[in-house]
N, C-alpha and C. Protein backbone atom coordinates (compact mmCIF):
# COMPACT_ATOMS: atom_id res chain seq x y z
N UNK A 1 160.28 147.50 42.95
CA UNK A 1 161.49 147.70 44.23
C UNK A 1 160.87 148.75 45.04
N UNK A 2 160.01 149.37 45.19
CA UNK A 2 159.00 150.34 46.11
C UNK A 2 158.61 149.36 47.32
N UNK A 3 157.57 148.17 46.20
CA UNK A 3 156.81 147.53 46.83
C UNK A 3 157.58 146.44 47.99
N UNK A 4 158.95 146.19 47.34
CA UNK A 4 159.90 145.09 48.33
C UNK A 4 160.46 146.22 48.98
N UNK A 5 160.99 147.00 49.18
CA UNK A 5 161.00 148.39 50.15
C UNK A 5 160.12 147.83 51.36
N UNK A 6 158.99 148.11 50.77
CA UNK A 6 157.63 148.31 51.94
C UNK A 6 157.59 147.23 52.49
N UNK A 7 157.80 145.97 52.04
CA UNK A 7 157.80 144.66 52.14
C UNK A 7 158.94 144.29 53.41
N UNK A 8 160.03 144.82 52.89
CA UNK A 8 161.04 145.01 54.10
C UNK A 8 160.76 145.39 55.24
N UNK A 9 160.42 146.56 55.37
CA UNK A 9 159.77 147.68 56.25
C UNK A 9 159.25 146.98 57.40
N UNK A 10 157.89 146.53 56.55
CA UNK A 10 157.00 145.79 57.31
C UNK A 10 157.86 144.39 58.23
N UNK A 11 158.46 143.63 57.17
CA UNK A 11 159.10 142.45 58.15
C UNK A 11 159.98 142.90 59.41
N UNK A 12 160.72 144.01 59.05
CA UNK A 12 161.48 144.48 60.31
C UNK A 12 161.10 145.00 61.08
N UNK A 13 159.56 145.56 60.88
CA UNK A 13 158.57 146.18 62.02
C UNK A 13 158.14 145.16 62.90
N UNK A 14 158.11 144.07 61.97
CA UNK A 14 157.17 142.95 62.91
C UNK A 14 158.50 142.19 63.74
N UNK A 15 159.70 142.16 63.15
CA UNK A 15 160.34 141.58 64.09
C UNK A 15 160.77 142.42 64.86
N UNK A 16 160.91 143.53 65.01
CA UNK A 16 161.42 144.88 65.91
C UNK A 16 160.38 144.50 67.07
N UNK A 17 158.79 144.02 66.87
CA UNK A 17 157.79 144.19 67.66
C UNK A 17 157.86 142.88 68.46
N UNK A 18 158.20 141.65 67.75
CA UNK A 18 158.59 140.40 68.12
C UNK A 18 159.51 140.74 69.35
N UNK A 19 160.46 141.03 68.74
CA UNK A 19 161.79 141.70 69.71
C UNK A 19 161.27 141.76 71.43
N UNK A 20 160.52 143.35 70.68
CA UNK A 20 160.06 143.82 72.19
C UNK A 20 158.93 143.52 72.71
N UNK A 21 158.22 142.61 72.39
CA UNK A 21 157.33 141.60 73.09
C UNK A 21 158.04 139.98 73.74
N UNK A 22 159.16 139.88 73.15
CA UNK A 22 160.00 138.57 73.25
C UNK A 22 160.36 139.27 74.82
N UNK A 23 161.09 140.64 75.03
CA UNK A 23 161.54 141.32 76.06
C UNK A 23 160.93 141.58 77.26
N UNK A 24 159.64 142.11 76.84
CA UNK A 24 158.63 142.42 77.46
C UNK A 24 158.42 140.92 78.14
N UNK A 25 157.89 140.09 77.94
CA UNK A 25 157.37 138.87 78.11
C UNK A 25 158.69 137.94 79.17
N UNK A 26 160.41 138.29 79.08
CA UNK A 26 160.85 138.00 79.37
C UNK A 26 161.08 138.66 81.29
N UNK A 27 161.10 139.99 80.52
CA UNK A 27 160.73 141.06 82.02
C UNK A 27 159.52 140.76 82.82
N UNK A 28 158.84 140.43 81.99
CA UNK A 28 157.26 140.30 82.77
C UNK A 28 157.66 138.98 83.76
N UNK A 29 158.12 137.96 82.86
CA UNK A 29 158.07 136.41 83.55
C UNK A 29 159.27 136.53 85.14
N UNK A 30 160.26 137.79 84.58
CA UNK A 30 161.45 137.67 85.98
C UNK A 30 160.54 138.68 87.13
N UNK A 31 159.77 139.23 86.96
CA UNK A 31 159.21 140.15 87.46
C UNK A 31 158.05 139.19 87.96
N UNK A 32 157.49 138.40 87.16
CA UNK A 32 156.53 137.45 88.19
C UNK A 32 157.19 136.33 89.16
N UNK A 33 158.32 136.21 88.50
CA UNK A 33 159.02 134.68 89.56
C UNK A 33 159.53 135.70 90.66
N UNK A 34 159.94 137.27 90.63
CA UNK A 34 160.03 137.85 91.51
C UNK A 34 159.01 137.82 93.04
N UNK A 35 157.61 138.22 92.27
CA UNK A 35 156.93 138.39 92.88
C UNK A 35 156.37 136.92 93.99
N UNK A 36 156.76 136.06 93.01
CA UNK A 36 156.49 134.59 93.57
C UNK A 36 157.38 134.62 94.66
N UNK A 37 158.61 134.69 94.61
CA UNK A 37 159.44 134.62 95.71
C UNK A 37 158.99 135.40 96.70
N UNK A 38 158.76 136.83 96.79
CA UNK A 38 158.25 137.65 97.56
C UNK A 38 156.95 137.10 98.36
N UNK A 39 156.13 136.55 97.59
CA UNK A 39 154.88 135.96 98.35
C UNK A 39 155.46 134.81 99.29
N UNK A 40 156.18 133.93 98.61
CA UNK A 40 156.78 132.72 99.25
C UNK A 40 157.16 133.08 100.82
N UNK A 41 158.46 133.83 100.57
CA UNK A 41 159.02 134.37 102.00
C UNK A 41 157.88 134.95 102.80
N UNK A 42 157.59 135.97 102.17
CA UNK A 42 156.02 136.37 103.33
C UNK A 42 155.34 135.43 104.15
N UNK A 43 154.73 134.31 103.26
CA UNK A 43 154.03 133.12 103.32
C UNK A 43 154.92 132.63 104.74
N UNK A 44 155.93 132.48 104.40
CA UNK A 44 157.12 131.91 105.77
C UNK A 44 157.32 132.68 106.64
N UNK A 45 157.32 133.96 106.33
CA UNK A 45 158.03 135.00 107.50
C UNK A 45 156.54 134.89 108.70
N UNK A 46 155.17 134.82 108.06
CA UNK A 46 154.24 135.10 108.49
C UNK A 46 153.89 133.39 109.57
N UNK A 47 154.11 132.65 108.96
CA UNK A 47 154.42 131.29 109.51
C UNK A 47 155.21 131.28 110.61
N UNK A 48 156.65 131.79 110.08
CA UNK A 48 157.23 132.14 111.31
C UNK A 48 156.85 132.80 112.57
N UNK A 49 156.29 133.83 112.27
CA UNK A 49 155.93 134.89 112.96
C UNK A 49 154.42 134.08 114.07
N UNK A 50 153.72 133.35 113.52
CA UNK A 50 152.73 132.78 113.95
C UNK A 50 153.30 132.15 115.25
N UNK A 51 153.99 131.03 114.58
CA UNK A 51 154.99 130.53 115.69
C UNK A 51 155.61 131.08 116.85
N UNK A 52 156.02 132.40 116.42
CA UNK A 52 156.67 132.84 117.54
C UNK A 52 155.83 133.32 118.66
N UNK A 53 154.68 133.59 118.03
CA UNK A 53 153.55 134.30 119.35
C UNK A 53 152.99 133.33 120.18
N UNK A 54 152.56 131.81 119.41
CA UNK A 54 152.38 131.08 120.08
C UNK A 54 153.16 130.32 121.06
N UNK A 55 154.29 130.44 120.75
CA UNK A 55 155.54 130.05 121.92
C UNK A 55 155.81 131.28 123.05
N UNK A 56 155.38 132.39 122.42
CA UNK A 56 155.93 133.46 123.29
C UNK A 56 154.16 133.50 124.67
N UNK A 57 153.03 133.02 123.87
CA UNK A 57 151.95 132.83 124.71
C UNK A 57 151.83 131.76 125.70
N UNK A 58 152.95 130.25 125.08
CA UNK A 58 152.80 129.35 125.66
C UNK A 58 153.81 129.73 127.15
N UNK A 59 154.99 130.17 126.57
CA UNK A 59 155.85 130.62 127.80
C UNK A 59 155.19 131.56 128.34
N UNK A 60 154.33 132.61 128.43
CA UNK A 60 153.89 133.55 129.58
C UNK A 60 153.04 132.52 130.06
N UNK A 61 152.41 131.78 129.78
CA UNK A 61 151.71 130.79 130.69
C UNK A 61 152.54 130.19 131.75
N UNK A 62 153.46 129.45 130.68
CA UNK A 62 154.44 128.61 131.82
C UNK A 62 155.07 129.32 132.75
N UNK A 63 155.00 130.88 132.46
CA UNK A 63 156.07 131.66 133.57
C UNK A 63 155.10 132.08 134.77
N UNK A 64 153.62 132.34 134.52
CA UNK A 64 152.81 132.47 135.36
C UNK A 64 152.50 131.67 136.35
N UNK A 65 152.38 130.15 135.57
CA UNK A 65 152.18 128.53 136.34
C UNK A 65 153.56 128.78 137.28
N UNK A 66 154.38 129.19 136.96
CA UNK A 66 155.50 128.98 138.01
C UNK A 66 155.59 130.11 139.03
N UNK A 67 155.50 130.77 138.64
CA UNK A 67 155.10 132.36 139.38
C UNK A 67 154.23 131.66 140.56
N UNK A 68 152.86 131.48 140.34
CA UNK A 68 151.94 131.20 140.88
C UNK A 68 152.26 129.52 142.19
N UNK A 69 152.91 129.23 141.51
CA UNK A 69 153.91 127.85 142.34
C UNK A 69 154.55 128.27 143.24
N UNK A 70 155.45 129.39 143.05
CA UNK A 70 156.61 129.56 143.85
C UNK A 70 155.90 130.71 144.65
N UNK A 71 155.11 131.19 144.58
CA UNK A 71 154.12 132.13 145.41
C UNK A 71 153.46 131.17 146.62
N UNK A 72 152.94 129.70 146.32
CA UNK A 72 152.50 129.47 146.64
C UNK A 72 153.23 128.59 147.74
N UNK A 73 154.34 127.84 147.25
CA UNK A 73 155.13 127.57 148.54
C UNK A 73 155.83 128.34 149.40
N UNK A 74 156.11 129.87 148.90
CA UNK A 74 156.43 130.97 149.65
C UNK A 74 155.43 131.08 151.18
N UNK A 75 154.28 131.12 150.49
CA UNK A 75 153.36 131.05 151.71
C UNK A 75 152.94 129.92 152.59
N UNK A 76 153.43 128.75 151.96
CA UNK A 76 152.99 127.50 152.61
C UNK A 76 154.42 127.51 153.52
N UNK A 77 155.35 128.26 153.21
CA UNK A 77 156.80 127.99 154.04
C UNK A 77 156.54 128.83 155.47
N UNK A 78 155.44 130.03 154.92
CA UNK A 78 154.99 131.21 156.03
C UNK A 78 154.06 130.46 156.84
N UNK A 79 152.94 129.23 156.86
CA UNK A 79 152.11 129.03 157.41
C UNK A 79 152.18 128.91 158.75
N UNK A 80 153.49 129.01 159.36
CA UNK A 80 153.43 129.40 160.84
C UNK A 80 153.77 130.71 161.19
N UNK A 81 153.75 131.53 160.41
CA UNK A 81 154.45 132.68 161.03
C UNK A 81 153.38 134.07 161.29
N UNK A 82 153.66 134.67 161.78
CA UNK A 82 152.72 136.04 162.42
C UNK A 82 153.50 137.27 162.49
N UNK A 83 152.78 138.03 161.55
CA UNK A 83 153.54 139.64 161.88
C UNK A 83 152.78 140.30 162.74
N UNK A 84 154.15 140.76 163.61
CA UNK A 84 153.35 141.59 164.90
C UNK A 84 153.94 143.25 164.68
N UNK A 85 152.88 144.31 164.63
CA UNK A 85 153.22 145.50 164.54
C UNK A 85 152.80 146.48 165.60
N UNK A 86 153.69 147.40 166.16
CA UNK A 86 153.42 148.28 167.54
C UNK A 86 154.02 148.25 168.22
N UNK A 87 155.15 146.89 168.25
CA UNK A 87 156.07 147.14 169.83
C UNK A 87 157.35 148.29 168.95
N UNK A 88 157.69 149.37 170.15
CA UNK A 88 158.65 150.01 170.04
C UNK A 88 160.06 149.80 169.59
N UNK A 89 161.08 150.01 168.81
CA UNK A 89 161.97 149.51 168.75
C UNK A 89 163.06 149.26 169.79
N UNK A 90 163.72 148.26 170.19
CA UNK A 90 164.46 148.32 171.21
C UNK A 90 163.97 147.41 172.33
N UNK A 91 162.94 147.13 172.24
CA UNK A 91 161.99 146.94 173.66
C UNK A 91 162.43 145.10 174.21
N UNK A 92 162.69 144.60 172.94
CA UNK A 92 163.07 143.04 173.27
C UNK A 92 164.50 143.03 173.52
N UNK A 93 165.22 144.19 173.52
CA UNK A 93 166.59 143.91 174.48
C UNK A 93 167.82 142.73 173.37
N UNK A 94 167.42 142.76 172.40
CA UNK A 94 168.30 141.41 171.85
C UNK A 94 168.16 140.19 171.42
N UNK A 95 166.64 140.32 172.28
CA UNK A 95 166.04 138.57 172.88
C UNK A 95 164.69 138.71 172.27
N UNK A 96 164.26 138.72 170.84
CA UNK A 96 162.83 139.33 170.59
C UNK A 96 161.94 137.77 171.58
N UNK A 97 162.57 136.48 170.84
CA UNK A 97 161.61 135.44 171.55
C UNK A 97 161.11 135.38 172.76
N UNK A 98 162.18 135.77 173.89
CA UNK A 98 162.15 135.74 175.11
C UNK A 98 161.00 136.73 175.31
N UNK A 99 161.33 138.24 174.90
CA UNK A 99 160.30 139.08 174.99
C UNK A 99 158.84 138.93 174.56
N UNK A 100 158.77 138.52 173.36
CA UNK A 100 157.25 138.11 172.85
C UNK A 100 156.68 137.12 173.83
N UNK A 101 157.16 136.14 174.36
CA UNK A 101 156.79 134.58 175.07
C UNK A 101 156.51 135.35 176.24
N UNK A 102 157.03 136.40 176.72
CA UNK A 102 156.33 136.84 177.78
C UNK A 102 155.31 138.03 177.66
N UNK A 103 155.46 138.66 176.81
CA UNK A 103 154.92 140.01 176.83
C UNK A 103 153.23 139.50 175.80
N UNK A 104 153.22 138.51 175.21
CA UNK A 104 151.85 138.00 173.95
C UNK A 104 151.02 137.41 174.91
N UNK A 105 151.31 136.29 176.09
CA UNK A 105 150.17 135.71 176.88
C UNK A 105 149.68 136.73 177.40
N UNK A 106 150.27 137.48 178.14
CA UNK A 106 149.52 138.78 179.06
C UNK A 106 148.58 139.53 178.36
N UNK A 107 149.44 140.14 176.94
CA UNK A 107 148.40 140.78 175.86
C UNK A 107 147.28 140.30 175.56
N UNK A 108 147.72 139.03 175.38
CA UNK A 108 146.24 138.39 174.80
C UNK A 108 145.42 137.50 175.58
N UNK A 109 145.79 137.98 176.65
CA UNK A 109 144.94 137.00 177.87
C UNK A 109 145.04 135.57 177.42
N UNK A 110 145.98 134.98 177.41
CA UNK A 110 145.84 133.70 177.03
C UNK A 110 145.97 132.76 178.30
N UNK A 111 145.49 131.69 178.12
CA UNK A 111 145.11 131.00 179.53
C UNK A 111 146.68 130.57 180.47
N UNK A 112 146.60 130.19 181.44
CA UNK A 112 148.21 130.34 182.30
C UNK A 112 148.76 128.90 181.84
N UNK A 113 150.12 129.43 181.38
CA UNK A 113 150.65 128.09 181.27
C UNK A 113 150.83 127.84 179.59
N UNK A 114 150.12 128.45 178.40
CA UNK A 114 149.96 128.68 177.66
C UNK A 114 151.20 128.57 176.94
N UNK A 115 152.06 127.63 176.04
CA UNK A 115 153.44 127.35 175.62
C UNK A 115 153.39 127.84 174.08
N UNK A 116 154.08 128.86 174.05
CA UNK A 116 153.96 129.62 172.45
C UNK A 116 154.92 129.04 171.67
N UNK A 117 155.67 128.01 171.99
CA UNK A 117 156.76 127.52 171.18
C UNK A 117 157.08 128.25 170.03
N UNK A 118 158.03 129.46 170.35
CA UNK A 118 158.46 130.49 169.60
C UNK A 118 159.74 129.53 168.70
N UNK A 119 159.68 129.25 167.52
CA UNK A 119 161.07 128.49 166.93
C UNK A 119 162.26 129.80 166.80
N UNK A 120 161.55 130.91 166.29
CA UNK A 120 162.12 131.91 165.87
C UNK A 120 161.50 133.35 165.68
N UNK A 121 162.29 134.15 166.05
CA UNK A 121 161.60 135.90 165.90
C UNK A 121 162.38 136.74 165.89
N UNK A 122 162.21 137.56 164.81
CA UNK A 122 163.09 138.97 164.29
C UNK A 122 162.55 140.11 163.76
N UNK A 123 163.01 141.26 164.01
CA UNK A 123 162.25 142.35 163.33
C UNK A 123 162.37 142.19 161.58
N UNK A 124 161.54 142.68 161.05
CA UNK A 124 161.87 142.46 159.77
C UNK A 124 162.92 143.56 158.98
N UNK A 125 163.41 142.53 157.72
CA UNK A 125 164.50 143.35 157.36
C UNK A 125 164.46 144.76 156.33
N UNK A 126 164.57 145.53 157.42
CA UNK A 126 164.30 146.88 157.11
C UNK A 126 165.39 147.92 157.76
N UNK A 127 165.81 149.34 156.92
CA UNK A 127 166.63 149.97 158.04
C UNK A 127 165.84 150.57 159.13
N UNK A 128 166.69 150.49 160.42
CA UNK A 128 166.49 150.86 161.47
C UNK A 128 165.65 152.10 161.53
N UNK A 129 164.29 152.14 161.87
CA UNK A 129 163.52 153.46 161.85
C UNK A 129 164.43 154.25 162.59
N UNK A 130 163.89 155.76 162.11
CA UNK A 130 164.31 156.81 162.83
C UNK A 130 163.46 157.56 163.92
N UNK A 131 163.57 158.35 165.18
CA UNK A 131 162.53 158.68 166.06
C UNK A 131 161.17 159.33 164.90
N UNK A 132 160.24 158.94 165.61
CA UNK A 132 159.13 159.31 165.22
C UNK A 132 158.55 158.22 164.06
N UNK A 133 159.45 157.56 163.70
CA UNK A 133 158.82 156.65 162.36
C UNK A 133 158.15 155.59 163.26
N UNK A 134 157.46 154.69 162.20
CA UNK A 134 156.72 153.50 162.67
C UNK A 134 157.81 152.49 162.72
N UNK A 135 158.07 151.62 164.37
CA UNK A 135 158.78 150.37 164.41
C UNK A 135 158.60 149.30 163.17
N UNK A 136 159.67 148.71 162.92
CA UNK A 136 159.72 147.59 161.87
C UNK A 136 158.84 146.30 162.96
N UNK A 137 158.06 145.77 162.39
CA UNK A 137 157.09 144.60 163.09
C UNK A 137 158.24 143.43 163.08
N UNK A 138 157.58 142.94 163.92
CA UNK A 138 158.34 141.47 164.77
C UNK A 138 157.62 140.29 163.62
N UNK A 139 158.37 139.49 163.00
CA UNK A 139 158.27 138.40 162.67
C UNK A 139 158.42 136.94 163.08
N UNK A 140 157.24 136.25 163.67
CA UNK A 140 157.76 135.03 164.60
C UNK A 140 157.32 133.58 164.04
N UNK A 141 157.88 132.82 163.76
CA UNK A 141 157.50 131.60 163.72
C UNK A 141 157.61 130.43 164.79
N UNK A 142 156.18 130.13 164.88
CA UNK A 142 155.94 129.29 165.58
C UNK A 142 155.84 127.95 165.46
N UNK A 143 155.82 126.96 166.37
CA UNK A 143 156.40 125.68 166.25
C UNK A 143 155.03 124.69 165.62
N UNK A 144 154.09 125.48 166.33
CA UNK A 144 152.98 124.71 166.43
C UNK A 144 151.61 125.62 165.79
N UNK A 145 151.13 124.98 164.89
CA UNK A 145 150.17 125.71 163.67
C UNK A 145 149.10 125.71 164.71
N UNK A 146 148.24 125.18 165.69
CA UNK A 146 147.54 125.59 166.58
C UNK A 146 147.54 126.70 167.37
N UNK A 147 148.97 126.87 167.88
CA UNK A 147 149.51 128.17 168.39
C UNK A 147 148.98 129.30 167.67
N UNK A 148 149.47 129.16 166.35
CA UNK A 148 149.69 129.84 165.27
C UNK A 148 148.19 130.53 165.00
N UNK A 149 147.19 129.56 165.35
CA UNK A 149 145.84 130.14 165.19
C UNK A 149 145.30 130.73 166.24
N UNK A 150 145.92 130.46 167.25
CA UNK A 150 145.02 131.04 169.07
C UNK A 150 145.43 132.10 168.91
N UNK A 151 146.56 132.74 168.49
CA UNK A 151 147.05 134.33 168.79
C UNK A 151 146.17 135.43 167.95
N UNK A 152 146.02 135.03 166.87
CA UNK A 152 145.00 135.90 165.98
C UNK A 152 143.58 135.88 166.50
N UNK A 153 143.15 134.84 166.90
CA UNK A 153 142.07 134.48 167.41
C UNK A 153 141.45 135.26 168.35
N UNK A 154 142.62 135.19 169.61
CA UNK A 154 142.54 135.75 170.84
C UNK A 154 142.33 137.24 170.53
N UNK A 155 143.50 137.98 169.47
CA UNK A 155 143.17 138.90 168.96
C UNK A 155 142.19 139.60 168.72
N UNK A 156 141.25 139.04 167.87
CA UNK A 156 140.29 139.27 166.94
C UNK A 156 138.85 139.24 167.89
N UNK A 157 138.98 138.46 169.05
CA UNK A 157 138.21 138.46 170.41
C UNK A 157 138.54 139.42 171.14
N UNK A 158 139.43 140.27 171.77
CA UNK A 158 139.61 141.16 172.50
C UNK A 158 139.48 142.68 171.79
N UNK A 159 139.69 142.67 170.44
CA UNK A 159 139.44 143.70 169.64
C UNK A 159 140.66 144.62 169.73
N UNK A 160 140.56 145.72 170.22
CA UNK A 160 141.78 147.03 170.21
C UNK A 160 142.99 145.90 171.34
N UNK A 161 144.27 145.58 170.90
CA UNK A 161 145.74 145.69 171.66
C UNK A 161 146.12 146.84 172.13
N UNK A 162 146.42 146.94 173.54
CA UNK A 162 147.42 148.03 173.68
C UNK A 162 148.50 147.46 174.65
N UNK A 163 149.86 148.00 174.45
CA UNK A 163 150.95 147.67 175.15
C UNK A 163 151.59 149.01 175.83
N UNK A 164 151.62 149.06 176.71
CA UNK A 164 152.55 150.42 177.70
C UNK A 164 151.96 151.42 176.75
N UNK A 165 150.89 151.68 176.46
CA UNK A 165 150.07 153.08 175.22
C UNK A 165 150.48 152.38 173.82
N UNK A 166 151.11 151.60 173.32
CA UNK A 166 151.32 151.32 172.22
C UNK A 166 150.28 150.71 171.24
N UNK A 167 149.49 150.82 170.37
CA UNK A 167 148.53 149.90 169.74
C UNK A 167 149.43 148.60 168.72
N UNK A 168 148.85 147.10 169.51
CA UNK A 168 149.25 146.20 168.70
C UNK A 168 148.44 145.70 167.76
N UNK A 169 149.06 145.01 166.46
CA UNK A 169 148.33 144.43 165.55
C UNK A 169 148.99 143.25 165.32
N UNK A 170 148.20 142.00 164.78
CA UNK A 170 148.83 140.88 164.71
C UNK A 170 148.22 140.78 162.96
N UNK A 171 149.13 139.89 162.20
CA UNK A 171 148.72 139.33 160.80
C UNK A 171 149.43 138.84 160.31
N UNK A 172 148.90 137.71 159.62
CA UNK A 172 149.93 136.69 158.58
C UNK A 172 150.67 137.21 157.81
N UNK A 173 151.37 136.83 158.22
CA UNK A 173 152.87 136.88 157.49
C UNK A 173 152.58 135.86 156.05
N UNK A 174 152.25 137.06 154.94
CA UNK A 174 151.88 136.72 153.58
C UNK A 174 153.34 137.10 152.68
N UNK A 175 152.96 136.54 151.71
CA UNK A 175 153.72 136.98 150.23
C UNK A 175 153.69 138.50 149.65
N UNK A 176 153.92 139.15 149.16
CA UNK A 176 153.37 140.50 148.64
C UNK A 176 152.44 140.52 147.60
N UNK A 177 152.47 139.24 146.96
CA UNK A 177 151.81 139.01 146.05
C UNK A 177 149.96 138.28 146.85
N UNK A 178 149.99 137.60 147.91
CA UNK A 178 148.85 137.44 148.38
C UNK A 178 148.38 138.71 149.18
N UNK A 179 149.35 139.24 149.89
CA UNK A 179 148.76 140.87 150.63
C UNK A 179 148.12 141.21 149.71
N UNK A 180 148.43 141.74 148.43
CA UNK A 180 147.67 142.63 147.39
C UNK A 180 146.40 141.73 147.26
N UNK A 181 146.17 140.67 146.97
CA UNK A 181 145.21 139.54 146.45
C UNK A 181 144.31 139.69 147.62
N UNK A 182 144.45 140.00 149.08
CA UNK A 182 143.88 139.87 150.45
C UNK A 182 143.04 141.29 150.53
N UNK A 183 144.04 142.24 149.83
CA UNK A 183 143.60 143.87 150.24
C UNK A 183 142.21 144.15 149.47
N UNK A 184 141.74 143.27 148.36
CA UNK A 184 141.30 143.39 147.49
C UNK A 184 139.66 143.51 148.44
N UNK A 185 139.66 142.77 149.24
CA UNK A 185 138.32 142.39 150.29
C UNK A 185 138.24 143.28 151.45
N UNK A 186 139.18 144.43 151.58
CA UNK A 186 139.12 145.08 152.78
C UNK A 186 138.13 145.89 152.83
N UNK A 187 137.54 146.75 152.02
CA UNK A 187 136.20 147.22 151.82
C UNK A 187 134.73 146.31 152.14
N UNK A 188 134.59 144.82 151.56
CA UNK A 188 133.74 144.41 151.88
C UNK A 188 133.53 143.73 153.31
N UNK A 189 134.98 143.33 154.09
CA UNK A 189 135.15 143.10 155.37
C UNK A 189 134.93 144.18 156.34
N UNK A 190 135.38 145.14 155.76
CA UNK A 190 134.07 146.60 156.65
C UNK A 190 133.04 146.24 156.45
N UNK A 191 132.13 146.30 155.52
CA UNK A 191 130.73 146.11 155.47
C UNK A 191 130.04 145.24 156.10
N UNK A 192 130.91 143.92 156.23
CA UNK A 192 130.24 142.75 156.89
C UNK A 192 130.64 143.07 158.39
N UNK A 193 131.38 143.76 158.87
CA UNK A 193 131.91 144.12 160.32
C UNK A 193 130.73 144.98 160.98
N UNK A 194 130.50 146.20 160.06
CA UNK A 194 129.59 147.03 160.32
C UNK A 194 128.16 146.41 160.84
N UNK A 195 128.19 145.29 159.65
CA UNK A 195 126.46 144.92 159.87
C UNK A 195 126.54 143.54 160.80
N UNK A 196 127.70 143.26 161.24
CA UNK A 196 127.97 142.14 162.45
C UNK A 196 127.82 140.70 161.79
N UNK A 197 128.20 140.59 160.50
CA UNK A 197 127.93 139.03 159.42
C UNK A 197 128.92 138.45 159.99
N UNK A 198 129.03 137.15 159.97
CA UNK A 198 130.38 136.74 160.42
C UNK A 198 131.08 135.91 158.96
N UNK A 199 132.25 136.14 159.00
CA UNK A 199 133.13 136.18 157.65
C UNK A 199 134.23 135.36 158.29
N UNK A 200 134.91 134.86 157.17
CA UNK A 200 136.33 134.44 157.01
C UNK A 200 137.09 134.56 156.24
N UNK A 201 138.18 134.82 156.02
CA UNK A 201 139.18 134.64 154.73
C UNK A 201 140.23 133.80 154.69
N UNK A 202 140.21 132.63 153.79
CA UNK A 202 140.95 131.35 153.76
C UNK A 202 141.52 131.20 152.53
N UNK A 203 143.02 130.59 153.03
CA UNK A 203 143.63 130.78 152.40
C UNK A 203 143.23 129.54 150.47
N UNK A 204 143.87 130.36 149.58
CA UNK A 204 144.53 131.78 149.64
C UNK A 204 143.83 132.75 149.89
N UNK A 205 142.73 132.92 149.39
CA UNK A 205 142.00 134.20 149.12
C UNK A 205 140.81 133.92 148.57
N UNK A 206 140.04 133.16 149.78
CA UNK A 206 138.67 132.99 149.58
C UNK A 206 137.64 133.82 150.68
N UNK A 207 136.65 134.68 150.75
CA UNK A 207 136.29 135.03 151.48
C UNK A 207 134.72 134.03 151.81
N UNK A 208 134.84 133.64 153.18
CA UNK A 208 133.34 133.24 152.99
C UNK A 208 132.72 134.02 154.28
N UNK A 209 131.22 133.52 153.72
CA UNK A 209 130.16 134.64 154.88
C UNK A 209 129.57 133.73 155.03
N UNK A 210 128.92 133.71 156.03
CA UNK A 210 127.82 133.37 156.97
C UNK A 210 126.67 134.26 157.12
N UNK A 211 125.46 133.76 156.76
CA UNK A 211 124.24 134.96 156.96
C UNK A 211 123.35 134.18 156.88
N UNK A 212 122.54 133.92 158.14
CA UNK A 212 121.22 133.67 158.00
C UNK A 212 121.45 131.81 157.96
N UNK A 213 122.52 131.59 158.52
CA UNK A 213 122.57 130.28 158.34
C UNK A 213 123.14 129.51 157.09
N UNK A 214 123.42 130.17 156.12
CA UNK A 214 124.02 129.77 155.12
C UNK A 214 125.32 130.44 154.61
N UNK A 215 126.32 129.76 154.35
CA UNK A 215 127.61 130.02 154.44
C UNK A 215 127.70 129.86 152.45
N UNK A 216 128.21 131.26 151.65
CA UNK A 216 128.85 131.46 150.66
C UNK A 216 130.07 131.75 150.66
N UNK A 217 130.54 131.13 149.63
CA UNK A 217 132.45 131.54 149.25
C UNK A 217 132.33 132.34 148.05
N UNK A 218 133.37 133.41 147.70
CA UNK A 218 133.88 134.39 147.16
C UNK A 218 135.02 134.22 147.11
N UNK A 219 135.60 134.71 145.49
CA UNK A 219 136.73 134.49 144.77
C UNK A 219 137.21 135.85 144.65
N UNK A 220 136.43 136.53 144.54
CA UNK A 220 136.40 138.37 143.93
C UNK A 220 135.78 139.45 145.33
N UNK A 221 136.42 140.16 145.34
CA UNK A 221 135.66 141.62 146.11
C UNK A 221 134.38 141.69 144.99
N UNK A 222 134.29 141.58 144.00
CA UNK A 222 133.40 142.13 142.83
C UNK A 222 132.17 140.87 143.22
N UNK A 223 132.63 139.90 143.30
CA UNK A 223 131.51 138.34 143.35
C UNK A 223 130.48 138.84 144.88
N UNK A 224 131.60 139.11 145.78
CA UNK A 224 131.07 139.36 146.92
C UNK A 224 129.86 140.61 147.51
N UNK A 225 130.42 141.70 146.72
CA UNK A 225 129.80 142.62 146.69
C UNK A 225 128.09 142.89 146.07
N UNK A 226 128.07 141.56 144.97
CA UNK A 226 126.56 141.66 144.69
C UNK A 226 125.85 140.91 145.58
């Protein structure tokens, strides 16, 4: 009888162990399934993230290209424009085109009878400066590109320009982005002027330097400084 009880106990213990093993297997299988599902979701999330990052890079490149094209169109639209600094506020007496057509030929010592053909002229769109503040520049649009080239060239040939005691400066009318791009060459141009080396800054922003009969082109100030 005792042996039978022992046998029964052993059998019950084996059944319990089997049940526990089955339960553990069930939970292990369930956990493994969950892990597999999580790994699948993570893989899919990584793929979506990679696709989103690639799209962001593509969109950033597209935006940069569009920005460059818009800036190029803006500067081409300003191709015949000149920005003139230094004339006091109010000297144009409400008619800037007439004033500049009379003042510029004398100021720049242009040949008699030079027709500037100013299409339009106005002060820059900014609040009227107060007493002692720098006057707003004139922005003029010329009908003919050769005349637009003539004015700054004449200013460079004369050096310092003065009108009734006021220093006058002429600049191309460029977009803010292109102005910043040109500004990087300021120190290089100063060095070239001091050394009497011939140079020119060409659209959109290429510095050409002629030295000892050889002309070199530079896209950045760092290249030119070498």
